[in-house]
Amino acid sequence: MKKRVLGKGLSALLGDGVPELEKDELVKIVNIDKIEARDDQPRKKFDYDKIKELADSISNNGLLQPIIVCATADGKYKIIAGERRWRACKIAKIYDIPVIVKELGDKEIIEVSLIENIQREGLSIMEESEGYERLVKEFGYTQEKLAEKLSKSRSHLANLLRLNQLPQSIKDKISEGLLTMGHARCLINHEQSEIIASHIIENELSVRQTEEIVRNWSKNEYDKTPERDTRVGKKFLKQGGKENDLQLLAKSLSERFNIKVTIEDYSIGGKLIFHYGSLEELDSILSRLS
């Protein structure tokens, strides 16, 4: 009976050289058009310049490491590991490439693909974070076992896993490079994380300044922005009647629209909230606003 490849560890399956083969496995040459990428692989974005560099290397030296695939019912192959090499071969116009065909179940394929991609360079912070979360939730890894398998520190895994608690809008900003992991860690579980995230980007705040904003949020006291002599925020102004004015404004709007209206005021912005009990009330509000 054939042994499960996962039991051998990824060094055998995905090492820097040609992977070790099972007794009845061979490297075979397959036309590139018969090979397809998987939709559920963790790497969502590919750096074209880096793939082009890899393509140039393959043009000069050949594909030194076979792509690992599994056969499909229609006579084609799905990539388990090596999508970057497959893409590079397309750029290099190499049409017949070496592959190793593995007989794995769907769950094993996803597991191998996740681990292989996490171990390689170029994965974004959120792609790595989401990959860890899938391995924990879908494959039963503890943080300790996962850290050992991937040769990562447990604190690194724990910090990245916590990023999955952020709203999707903030995850998108991290993926776009608008927020760093340091910024994002400050915002985890903060009820106004999206407001603060927008403010960080608009004012180009450092991680330290972000920490200060989050730490003093309830006090509404903030430091200056970098290289500017303007306030990021200031104390909530009870003096001068600001609080009373906002309460009166909310009351006036409530009476005008005959619904509950609240105003949430922060030193870096605020919210005007219309509360409605039915879609008919919402339609009424929208028609009167327009």
C-alpha atoms as a PDB file:
ATOM      1  CA  MET A   1       0.000   0.000   0.000  1.00  0.00           C
ATOM      2  CA  LYS A   2       1.275   3.449  -0.886  1.00  0.00           C
ATOM      3  CA  LYS A   3       2.339   5.684   1.991  1.00  0.00           C
ATOM      4  CA  ARG A   4       0.743   9.108   2.452  1.00  0.00           C
ATOM      5  CA  VAL A   5       3.162  11.761   1.228  1.00  0.00           C
ATOM      6  CA  LEU A   6       2.216  14.155   4.011  1.00  0.00           C
ATOM      7  CA  GLY A   7       3.761  11.831   6.546  1.00  0.00           C
ATOM      8  CA  LYS A   8       7.155  12.339   4.922  1.00  0.00           C
ATOM      9  CA  GLY A   9       7.189  16.082   5.429  1.00  0.00           C
ATOM     10  CA  LEU A  10       7.493  18.810   2.859  1.00  0.00           C
ATOM     11  CA  SER A  11      11.255  18.556   2.623  1.00  0.00           C
ATOM     12  CA  ALA A  12      10.746  15.402   0.589  1.00  0.00           C
ATOM     13  CA  LEU A  13       7.735  16.631  -1.309  1.00  0.00           C
ATOM     14  CA  LEU A  14       8.744  20.212  -1.945  1.00  0.00           C
ATOM     15  CA  GLY A  15      12.479  20.507  -1.400  1.00  0.00           C
ATOM     16  CA  ASP A  16      14.797  22.874  -3.216  1.00  0.00           C
ATOM     17  CA  GLY A  17      15.954  20.151  -5.539  1.00  0.00           C
ATOM     18  CA  VAL A  18      13.906  17.520  -7.384  1.00  0.00           C
ATOM     19  CA  PRO A  19      11.391  16.060  -4.904  1.00  0.00           C
ATOM     20  CA  GLU A  20      11.914  12.508  -3.724  1.00  0.00           C
ATOM     21  CA  LEU A  21       9.637  10.137  -5.588  1.00  0.00           C
ATOM     22  CA  GLU A  22       7.471   7.374  -4.227  1.00  0.00           C
ATOM     23  CA  LYS A  23       8.355   3.895  -5.466  1.00  0.00           C
ATOM     24  CA  ASP A  24       5.757   3.883  -8.259  1.00  0.00           C
ATOM     25  CA  GLU A  25       6.016   7.547  -9.235  1.00  0.00           C
ATOM     26  CA  LEU A  26       7.839   9.019 -12.208  1.00  0.00           C
ATOM     27  CA  VAL A  27       8.635  12.430 -13.597  1.00  0.00           C
ATOM     28  CA  LYS A  28       6.639  12.729 -16.809  1.00  0.00           C
ATOM     29  CA  ILE A  29       6.505  15.407 -19.504  1.00  0.00           C
ATOM     30  CA  VAL A  30       3.115  17.048 -19.986  1.00  0.00           C
ATOM     31  CA  ASN A  31       1.959  19.727 -22.391  1.00  0.00           C
ATOM     32  CA  ILE A  32       1.421  22.952 -20.467  1.00  0.00           C
ATOM     33  CA  ASP A  33      -2.076  23.410 -21.924  1.00  0.00           C
ATOM     34  CA  LYS A  34      -3.193  20.287 -20.057  1.00  0.00           C
ATOM     35  CA  ILE A  35      -2.227  21.823 -16.717  1.00  0.00           C
ATOM     36  CA  GLU A  36      -4.550  24.139 -14.801  1.00  0.00           C
ATOM     37  CA  ALA A  37      -4.255  26.187 -11.628  1.00  0.00           C
ATOM     38  CA  ARG A  38      -6.523  25.488  -8.671  1.00  0.00           C
ATOM     39  CA  ASP A  39      -9.112  28.098  -7.706  1.00  0.00           C
ATOM     40  CA  ASP A  40      -8.625  27.550  -3.978  1.00  0.00           C
ATOM     41  CA  GLN A  41      -4.901  28.157  -3.723  1.00  0.00           C
ATOM     42  CA  PRO A  42      -3.917  30.749  -1.079  1.00  0.00           C
ATOM     43  CA  ARG A  43      -1.750  32.958  -3.292  1.00  0.00           C
ATOM     44  CA  LYS A  44      -4.115  35.492  -4.884  1.00  0.00           C
ATOM     45  CA  LYS A  45      -1.617  37.881  -6.462  1.00  0.00           C
ATOM     46  CA  PHE A  46       1.509  37.166  -8.470  1.00  0.00           C
ATOM     47  CA  ASP A  47       4.332  39.653  -8.990  1.00  0.00           C
ATOM     48  CA  TYR A  48       4.806  39.734 -12.749  1.00  0.00           C
ATOM     49  CA  ASP A  49       8.387  41.068 -12.552  1.00  0.00           C
ATOM     50  CA  LYS A  50       9.470  38.213 -10.285  1.00  0.00           C
ATOM     51  CA  ILE A  51       7.765  35.631 -12.474  1.00  0.00           C
ATOM     52  CA  LYS A  52       9.467  37.190 -15.504  1.00  0.00           C
ATOM     53  CA  GLU A  53      12.830  36.799 -13.743  1.00  0.00           C
ATOM     54  CA  LEU A  54      11.975  33.162 -13.088  1.00  0.00           C
ATOM     55  CA  ALA A  55      10.941  32.768 -16.743  1.00  0.00           C
ATOM     56  CA  ASP A  56      14.338  34.112 -17.857  1.00  0.00           C
ATOM     57  CA  SER A  57      16.079  31.656 -15.557  1.00  0.00           C
ATOM     58  CA  ILE A  58      14.002  28.762 -16.891  1.00  0.00           C
ATOM     59  CA  SER A  59      14.768  29.836 -20.471  1.00  0.00           C
ATOM     60  CA  ASN A  60      18.487  29.675 -19.708  1.00  0.00           C
ATOM     61  CA  ASN A  61      18.624  26.667 -17.397  1.00  0.00           C
ATOM     62  CA  GLY A  62      15.421  24.727 -17.947  1.00  0.00           C
ATOM     63  CA  LEU A  63      12.815  23.882 -15.292  1.00  0.00           C
ATOM     64  CA  LEU A  64      14.968  22.295 -12.608  1.00  0.00           C
ATOM     65  CA  GLN A  65      12.142  21.398 -10.222  1.00  0.00           C
ATOM     66  CA  PRO A  66       9.092  19.544 -11.603  1.00  0.00           C
ATOM     67  CA  ILE A  67       5.627  20.887 -10.901  1.00  0.00           C
ATOM     68  CA  ILE A  68       3.539  18.707  -8.638  1.00  0.00           C
ATOM     69  CA  VAL A  69       0.067  17.934  -9.988  1.00  0.00           C
ATOM     70  CA  CYS A  70      -2.870  15.599  -9.614  1.00  0.00           C
ATOM     71  CA  ALA A  71      -4.824  14.047 -12.462  1.00  0.00           C
ATOM     72  CA  THR A  72      -8.422  15.045 -13.146  1.00  0.00           C
ATOM     73  CA  ALA A  73     -11.257  12.995 -14.643  1.00  0.00           C
ATOM     74  CA  ASP A  74     -11.089  14.843 -17.980  1.00  0.00           C
ATOM     75  CA  GLY A  75      -7.489  13.827 -18.624  1.00  0.00           C
ATOM     76  CA  LYS A  76      -5.977  17.105 -17.469  1.00  0.00           C
ATOM     77  CA  TYR A  77      -3.964  18.016 -14.379  1.00  0.00           C
ATOM     78  CA  LYS A  78      -4.456  20.439 -11.474  1.00  0.00           C
ATOM     79  CA  ILE A  79      -1.467  22.103  -9.840  1.00  0.00           C
ATOM     80  CA  ILE A  80      -0.741  21.124  -6.255  1.00  0.00           C
ATOM     81  CA  ALA A  81       2.570  22.973  -6.010  1.00  0.00           C
ATOM     82  CA  GLY A  82       4.437  25.108  -8.511  1.00  0.00           C
ATOM     83  CA  GLU A  83       1.979  27.619  -9.966  1.00  0.00           C
ATOM     84  CA  ARG A  84       4.696  30.299 -10.200  1.00  0.00           C
ATOM     85  CA  ARG A  85       6.891  27.917 -12.206  1.00  0.00           C
ATOM     86  CA  TRP A  86       3.914  27.039 -14.432  1.00  0.00           C
ATOM     87  CA  ARG A  87       3.214  30.723 -15.086  1.00  0.00           C
ATOM     88  CA  ALA A  88       6.914  31.363 -15.753  1.00  0.00           C
ATOM     89  CA  CYS A  89       7.023  28.500 -18.272  1.00  0.00           C
ATOM     90  CA  LYS A  90       4.108  30.096 -20.121  1.00  0.00           C
ATOM     91  CA  ILE A  91       6.002  33.395 -20.328  1.00  0.00           C
ATOM     92  CA  ALA A  92       9.142  31.555 -21.435  1.00  0.00           C
ATOM     93  CA  LYS A  93       7.071  29.740 -24.109  1.00  0.00           C
ATOM     94  CA  ILE A  94       8.077  26.333 -22.799  1.00  0.00           C
ATOM     95  CA  TYR A  95       5.195  24.065 -23.698  1.00  0.00           C
ATOM     96  CA  ASP A  96       6.284  20.624 -22.480  1.00  0.00           C
ATOM     97  CA  ILE A  97       7.210  20.619 -18.794  1.00  0.00           C
ATOM     98  CA  PRO A  98       8.180  17.961 -16.226  1.00  0.00           C
ATOM     99  CA  VAL A  99       5.579  17.087 -13.613  1.00  0.00           C
ATOM    100  CA  ILE A 100       5.171  14.627 -10.770  1.00  0.00           C
ATOM    101  CA  VAL A 101       1.655  13.222 -10.529  1.00  0.00           C
ATOM    102  CA  LYS A 102       0.525  12.677  -6.938  1.00  0.00           C
ATOM    103  CA  GLU A 103      -2.480  10.621  -5.931  1.00  0.00           C
ATOM    104  CA  LEU A 104      -4.003  12.712  -3.167  1.00  0.00           C
ATOM    105  CA  GLY A 105      -7.531  13.320  -1.936  1.00  0.00           C
ATOM    106  CA  ASP A 106      -9.058  16.763  -2.278  1.00  0.00           C
ATOM    107  CA  LYS A 107      -8.408  17.614   1.366  1.00  0.00           C
ATOM    108  CA  GLU A 108      -4.772  16.517   1.169  1.00  0.00           C
ATOM    109  CA  ILE A 109      -4.279  18.571  -1.997  1.00  0.00           C
ATOM    110  CA  ILE A 110      -5.534  21.722  -0.304  1.00  0.00           C
ATOM    111  CA  GLU A 111      -3.384  21.050   2.759  1.00  0.00           C
ATOM    112  CA  VAL A 112      -0.217  20.508   0.736  1.00  0.00           C
ATOM    113  CA  SER A 113      -0.947  23.559  -1.425  1.00  0.00           C
ATOM    114  CA  LEU A 114      -1.513  25.787   1.607  1.00  0.00           C
ATOM    115  CA  ILE A 115       1.681  24.699   3.330  1.00  0.00           C
ATOM    116  CA  GLU A 116       3.764  24.860   0.154  1.00  0.00           C
ATOM    117  CA  ASN A 117       2.656  28.400  -0.588  1.00  0.00           C
ATOM    118  CA  ILE A 118       3.104  29.632   2.984  1.00  0.00           C
ATOM    119  CA  GLN A 119       6.680  28.320   2.994  1.00  0.00           C
ATOM    120  CA  ARG A 120       7.606  30.180  -0.169  1.00  0.00           C
ATOM    121  CA  GLU A 121       8.335  33.867  -0.646  1.00  0.00           C
ATOM    122  CA  GLY A 122       5.988  36.520  -1.969  1.00  0.00           C
ATOM    123  CA  LEU A 123       2.809  35.713  -0.062  1.00  0.00           C
ATOM    124  CA  SER A 124       1.122  38.873   1.256  1.00  0.00           C
ATOM    125  CA  ILE A 125       0.476  39.278   4.980  1.00  0.00           C
ATOM    126  CA  MET A 126      -3.239  38.612   4.567  1.00  0.00           C
ATOM    127  CA  GLU A 127      -2.699  35.626   2.237  1.00  0.00           C
ATOM    128  CA  GLU A 128      -0.369  34.135   4.844  1.00  0.00           C
ATOM    129  CA  SER A 129      -2.805  34.934   7.653  1.00  0.00           C
ATOM    130  CA  GLU A 130      -5.743  33.375   5.819  1.00  0.00           C
ATOM    131  CA  GLY A 131      -3.633  30.334   4.970  1.00  0.00           C
ATOM    132  CA  TYR A 132      -2.817  29.778   8.647  1.00  0.00           C
ATOM    133  CA  GLU A 133      -6.473  30.147   9.595  1.00  0.00           C
ATOM    134  CA  ARG A 134      -7.546  27.508   7.053  1.00  0.00           C
ATOM    135  CA  LEU A 135      -4.910  25.080   8.317  1.00  0.00           C
ATOM    136  CA  VAL A 136      -6.122  25.572  11.890  1.00  0.00           C
ATOM    137  CA  LYS A 137      -9.857  25.440  11.160  1.00  0.00           C
ATOM    138  CA  GLU A 138     -10.030  22.924   8.327  1.00  0.00           C
ATOM    139  CA  PHE A 139      -7.130  20.618   9.167  1.00  0.00           C
ATOM    140  CA  GLY A 140      -7.054  20.702  12.966  1.00  0.00           C
ATOM    141  CA  TYR A 141      -3.574  22.122  13.452  1.00  0.00           C
ATOM    142  CA  THR A 142      -2.795  23.679  16.806  1.00  0.00           C
ATOM    143  CA  GLN A 143      -0.627  26.785  16.758  1.00  0.00           C
ATOM    144  CA  GLU A 144       2.187  24.785  18.334  1.00  0.00           C
ATOM    145  CA  LYS A 145       2.094  22.019  15.717  1.00  0.00           C
ATOM    146  CA  LEU A 146       1.753  24.480  12.867  1.00  0.00           C
ATOM    147  CA  ALA A 147       4.660  26.585  14.113  1.00  0.00           C
ATOM    148  CA  GLU A 148       6.815  23.458  14.324  1.00  0.00           C
ATOM    149  CA  LYS A 149       5.797  22.201  10.860  1.00  0.00           C
ATOM    150  CA  LEU A 150       6.457  25.562   9.188  1.00  0.00           C
ATOM    151  CA  SER A 151       9.531  26.492  11.263  1.00  0.00           C
ATOM    152  CA  LYS A 152       7.827  29.686  12.411  1.00  0.00           C
ATOM    153  CA  SER A 153       7.654  31.158  15.884  1.00  0.00           C
ATOM    154  CA  ARG A 154       4.360  30.687  17.678  1.00  0.00           C
ATOM    155  CA  SER A 155       4.148  34.438  18.314  1.00  0.00           C
ATOM    156  CA  HIS A 156       4.444  35.088  14.564  1.00  0.00           C
ATOM    157  CA  LEU A 157       1.575  32.693  13.864  1.00  0.00           C
ATOM    158  CA  ALA A 158      -0.546  34.091  16.689  1.00  0.00           C
ATOM    159  CA  ASN A 159      -0.082  37.683  15.513  1.00  0.00           C
ATOM    160  CA  LEU A 160      -0.973  36.826  11.922  1.00  0.00           C
ATOM    161  CA  LEU A 161      -3.981  34.710  12.903  1.00  0.00           C
ATOM    162  CA  ARG A 162      -5.396  37.646  14.883  1.00  0.00           C
ATOM    163  CA  LEU A 163      -5.496  39.741  11.697  1.00  0.00           C
ATOM    164  CA  ASN A 164      -8.423  37.608  10.525  1.00  0.00           C
ATOM    165  CA  GLN A 165     -10.546  39.302  13.198  1.00  0.00           C
ATOM    166  CA  LEU A 166     -10.316  42.634  11.352  1.00  0.00           C
ATOM    167  CA  PRO A 167     -13.130  43.964   9.123  1.00  0.00           C
ATOM    168  CA  GLN A 168     -12.738  43.111   5.435  1.00  0.00           C
ATOM    169  CA  SER A 169     -12.181  46.772   4.518  1.00  0.00           C
ATOM    170  CA  ILE A 170      -9.066  46.867   6.718  1.00  0.00           C
ATOM    171  CA  LYS A 171      -7.840  43.523   5.382  1.00  0.00           C
ATOM    172  CA  ASP A 172      -8.123  44.984   1.883  1.00  0.00           C
ATOM    173  CA  LYS A 173      -6.061  48.021   2.926  1.00  0.00           C
ATOM    174  CA  ILE A 174      -3.362  45.704   4.292  1.00  0.00           C
ATOM    175  CA  SER A 175      -3.323  43.723   1.033  1.00  0.00           C
ATOM    176  CA  GLU A 176      -3.029  46.980  -0.933  1.00  0.00           C
ATOM    177  CA  GLY A 177      -0.042  48.054   1.175  1.00  0.00           C
ATOM    178  CA  LEU A 178      -1.861  51.022   2.688  1.00  0.00           C
ATOM    179  CA  LEU A 179      -1.555  49.657   6.229  1.00  0.00           C
ATOM    180  CA  THR A 180       1.271  47.655   7.766  1.00  0.00           C
ATOM    181  CA  MET A 181       0.911  44.688  10.069  1.00  0.00           C
ATOM    182  CA  GLY A 182       1.978  46.986  12.930  1.00  0.00           C
ATOM    183  CA  HIS A 183      -0.881  49.375  12.188  1.00  0.00           C
ATOM    184  CA  ALA A 184      -3.348  46.530  11.807  1.00  0.00           C
ATOM    185  CA  ARG A 185      -2.461  44.906  15.125  1.00  0.00           C
ATOM    186  CA  CYS A 186      -3.433  48.134  16.897  1.00  0.00           C
ATOM    187  CA  LEU A 187      -6.909  48.018  15.369  1.00  0.00           C
ATOM    188  CA  ILE A 188      -7.911  44.446  16.217  1.00  0.00           C
ATOM    189  CA  ASN A 189     -11.216  44.353  18.128  1.00  0.00           C
ATOM    190  CA  HIS A 190     -11.479  48.159  18.226  1.00  0.00           C
ATOM    191  CA  GLU A 191     -15.082  49.242  17.623  1.00  0.00           C
ATOM    192  CA  GLN A 192     -13.962  52.232  15.539  1.00  0.00           C
ATOM    193  CA  SER A 193     -11.175  50.435  13.680  1.00  0.00           C
ATOM    194  CA  GLU A 194     -12.360  51.486  10.208  1.00  0.00           C
ATOM    195  CA  ILE A 195     -12.530  55.181  11.138  1.00  0.00           C
ATOM    196  CA  ILE A 196      -9.044  55.040  12.636  1.00  0.00           C
ATOM    197  CA  ALA A 197      -7.700  53.086   9.639  1.00  0.00           C
ATOM    198  CA  SER A 198      -8.873  55.784   7.233  1.00  0.00           C
ATOM    199  CA  HIS A 199      -7.319  58.438   9.450  1.00  0.00           C
ATOM    200  CA  ILE A 200      -3.989  56.575   9.553  1.00  0.00           C
ATOM    201  CA  ILE A 201      -3.843  56.504   5.762  1.00  0.00           C
ATOM    202  CA  GLU A 202      -4.945  60.097   5.245  1.00  0.00           C
ATOM    203  CA  ASN A 203      -2.381  61.435   7.721  1.00  0.00           C
ATOM    204  CA  GLU A 204       0.418  58.920   7.059  1.00  0.00           C
ATOM    205  CA  LEU A 205       0.644  58.042  10.736  1.00  0.00           C
ATOM    206  CA  SER A 206       3.383  55.838  12.109  1.00  0.00           C
ATOM    207  CA  VAL A 207       2.651  52.699  14.118  1.00  0.00           C
ATOM    208  CA  ARG A 208       3.660  54.520  17.299  1.00  0.00           C
ATOM    209  CA  GLN A 209       1.207  57.331  16.608  1.00  0.00           C
ATOM    210  CA  THR A 210      -1.492  54.767  15.864  1.00  0.00           C
ATOM    211  CA  GLU A 211      -0.826  53.061  19.188  1.00  0.00           C
ATOM    212  CA  GLU A 212      -1.204  56.439  20.902  1.00  0.00           C
ATOM    213  CA  ILE A 213      -4.542  57.132  19.194  1.00  0.00           C
ATOM    214  CA  VAL A 214      -5.923  53.736  20.145  1.00  0.00           C
ATOM    215  CA  ARG A 215      -4.591  53.947  23.702  1.00  0.00           C
ATOM    216  CA  ASN A 216      -6.155  57.361  24.310  1.00  0.00           C
ATOM    217  CA  TRP A 217      -9.332  56.864  22.288  1.00  0.00           C
ATOM    218  CA  SER A 218     -11.666  57.013  25.269  1.00  0.00           C
ATOM    219  CA  LYS A 219      -9.942  60.196  26.457  1.00  0.00           C
ATOM    220  CA  ASN A 220     -10.085  61.756  22.979  1.00  0.00           C
ATOM    221  CA  GLU A 221      -6.519  63.021  23.379  1.00  0.00           C
ATOM    222  CA  TYR A 222      -4.013  62.572  20.555  1.00  0.00           C
ATOM    223  CA  ASP A 223      -0.580  63.644  19.470  1.00  0.00           C
ATOM    224  CA  LYS A 224       0.474  65.648  16.429  1.00  0.00           C
ATOM    225  CA  THR A 225       0.726  64.195  12.974  1.00  0.00           C
ATOM    226  CA  PRO A 226       4.231  63.564  11.572  1.00  0.00           C
ATOM    227  CA  GLU A 227       5.939  66.594  10.023  1.00  0.00           C
ATOM    228  CA  ARG A 228       2.890  68.736  10.635  1.00  0.00           C
ATOM    229  CA  ASP A 229       2.086  71.169  13.387  1.00  0.00           C
ATOM    230  CA  THR A 230      -1.626  70.416  13.321  1.00  0.00           C
ATOM    231  CA  ARG A 231      -3.535  68.325  15.806  1.00  0.00           C
ATOM    232  CA  VAL A 232      -4.563  64.788  14.958  1.00  0.00           C
ATOM    233  CA  GLY A 233      -7.209  65.263  17.600  1.00  0.00           C
ATOM    234  CA  LYS A 234      -8.006  67.342  20.632  1.00  0.00           C
ATOM    235  CA  LYS A 235      -9.906  66.936  23.845  1.00  0.00           C
ATOM    236  CA  PHE A 236     -13.624  66.506  23.492  1.00  0.00           C
ATOM    237  CA  LEU A 237     -14.935  70.038  23.860  1.00  0.00           C
ATOM    238  CA  LYS A 238     -17.552  70.251  26.513  1.00  0.00           C
ATOM    239  CA  GLN A 239     -16.566  73.850  27.002  1.00  0.00           C
ATOM    240  CA  GLY A 240     -18.178  76.180  24.515  1.00  0.00           C
ATOM    241  CA  GLY A 241     -21.313  74.034  24.495  1.00  0.00           C
ATOM    242  CA  LYS A 242     -20.207  71.618  21.732  1.00  0.00           C
ATOM    243  CA  GLU A 243     -21.703  68.591  23.480  1.00  0.00           C
ATOM    244  CA  ASN A 244     -24.983  70.394  24.130  1.00  0.00           C
ATOM    245  CA  ASP A 245     -25.070  71.692  20.550  1.00  0.00           C
ATOM    246  CA  LEU A 246     -24.721  68.169  19.168  1.00  0.00           C
ATOM    247  CA  GLN A 247     -27.450  66.895  21.460  1.00  0.00           C
ATOM    248  CA  LEU A 248     -29.758  69.697  20.349  1.00  0.00           C
ATOM    249  CA  LEU A 249     -28.939  68.988  16.691  1.00  0.00           C
ATOM    250  CA  ALA A 250     -29.744  65.296  17.128  1.00  0.00           C
ATOM    251  CA  LYS A 251     -33.013  66.165  18.860  1.00  0.00           C
ATOM    252  CA  SER A 252     -33.938  68.627  16.088  1.00  0.00           C
ATOM    253  CA  LEU A 253     -33.253  66.044  13.357  1.00  0.00           C
ATOM    254  CA  SER A 254     -35.235  63.409  15.265  1.00  0.00           C
ATOM    255  CA  GLU A 255     -38.234  65.718  15.407  1.00  0.00           C
ATOM    256  CA  ARG A 256     -37.880  66.708  11.753  1.00  0.00           C
ATOM    257  CA  PHE A 257     -37.738  63.121  10.445  1.00  0.00           C
ATOM    258  CA  ASN A 258     -39.890  61.643  13.223  1.00  0.00           C
ATOM    259  CA  ILE A 259     -37.323  58.921  13.871  1.00  0.00           C
ATOM    260  CA  LYS A 260     -34.414  58.433  16.245  1.00  0.00           C
ATOM    261  CA  VAL A 261     -31.251  60.283  15.166  1.00  0.00           C
ATOM    262  CA  THR A 262     -27.925  60.037  17.016  1.00  0.00           C
ATOM    263  CA  ILE A 263     -24.598  61.776  16.537  1.00  0.00           C
ATOM    264  CA  GLU A 264     -21.334  60.122  17.537  1.00  0.00           C
ATOM    265  CA  ASP A 265     -18.510  62.628  17.751  1.00  0.00           C
ATOM    266  CA  TYR A 266     -14.814  61.738  17.814  1.00  0.00           C
ATOM    267  CA  SER A 267     -11.814  63.984  17.675  1.00  0.00           C
ATOM    268  CA  ILE A 268     -10.941  62.619  14.217  1.00  0.00           C
ATOM    269  CA  GLY A 269     -14.446  62.635  12.793  1.00  0.00           C
ATOM    270  CA  GLY A 270     -17.869  61.299  13.635  1.00  0.00           C
ATOM    271  CA  LYS A 271     -21.103  59.670  12.541  1.00  0.00           C
ATOM    272  CA  LEU A 272     -24.625  60.913  11.903  1.00  0.00           C
ATOM    273  CA  ILE A 273     -26.918  57.911  12.333  1.00  0.00           C
ATOM    274  CA  PHE A 274     -30.540  57.622  11.240  1.00  0.00           C
ATOM    275  CA  HIS A 275     -32.342  54.740  12.944  1.00  0.00           C
ATOM    276  CA  TYR A 276     -35.258  53.169  11.066  1.00  0.00           C
ATOM    277  CA  GLY A 277     -37.639  50.385  11.930  1.00  0.00           C
ATOM    278  CA  SER A 278     -38.757  49.340   8.462  1.00  0.00           C
ATOM    279  CA  LEU A 279     -37.903  49.716   4.797  1.00  0.00           C
ATOM    280  CA  GLU A 280     -40.838  52.116   4.461  1.00  0.00           C
ATOM    281  CA  GLU A 281     -39.243  54.405   7.032  1.00  0.00           C
ATOM    282  CA  LEU A 282     -35.929  54.150   5.180  1.00  0.00           C
ATOM    283  CA  ASP A 283     -37.628  55.087   1.896  1.00  0.00           C
ATOM    284  CA  SER A 284     -39.220  58.060   3.625  1.00  0.00           C
ATOM    285  CA  ILE A 285     -35.864  59.248   4.993  1.00  0.00           C
ATOM    286  CA  LEU A 286     -34.146  58.907   1.623  1.00  0.00           C
ATOM    287  CA  SER A 287     -36.901  60.773  -0.219  1.00  0.00           C
ATOM    288  CA  ARG A 288     -36.785  63.653   2.229  1.00  0.00           C
ATOM    289  CA  LEU A 289     -32.972  63.824   2.075  1.00  0.00           C
ATOM    290  CA  SER A 290     -33.042  63.961  -1.715  1.00  0.00           C
END
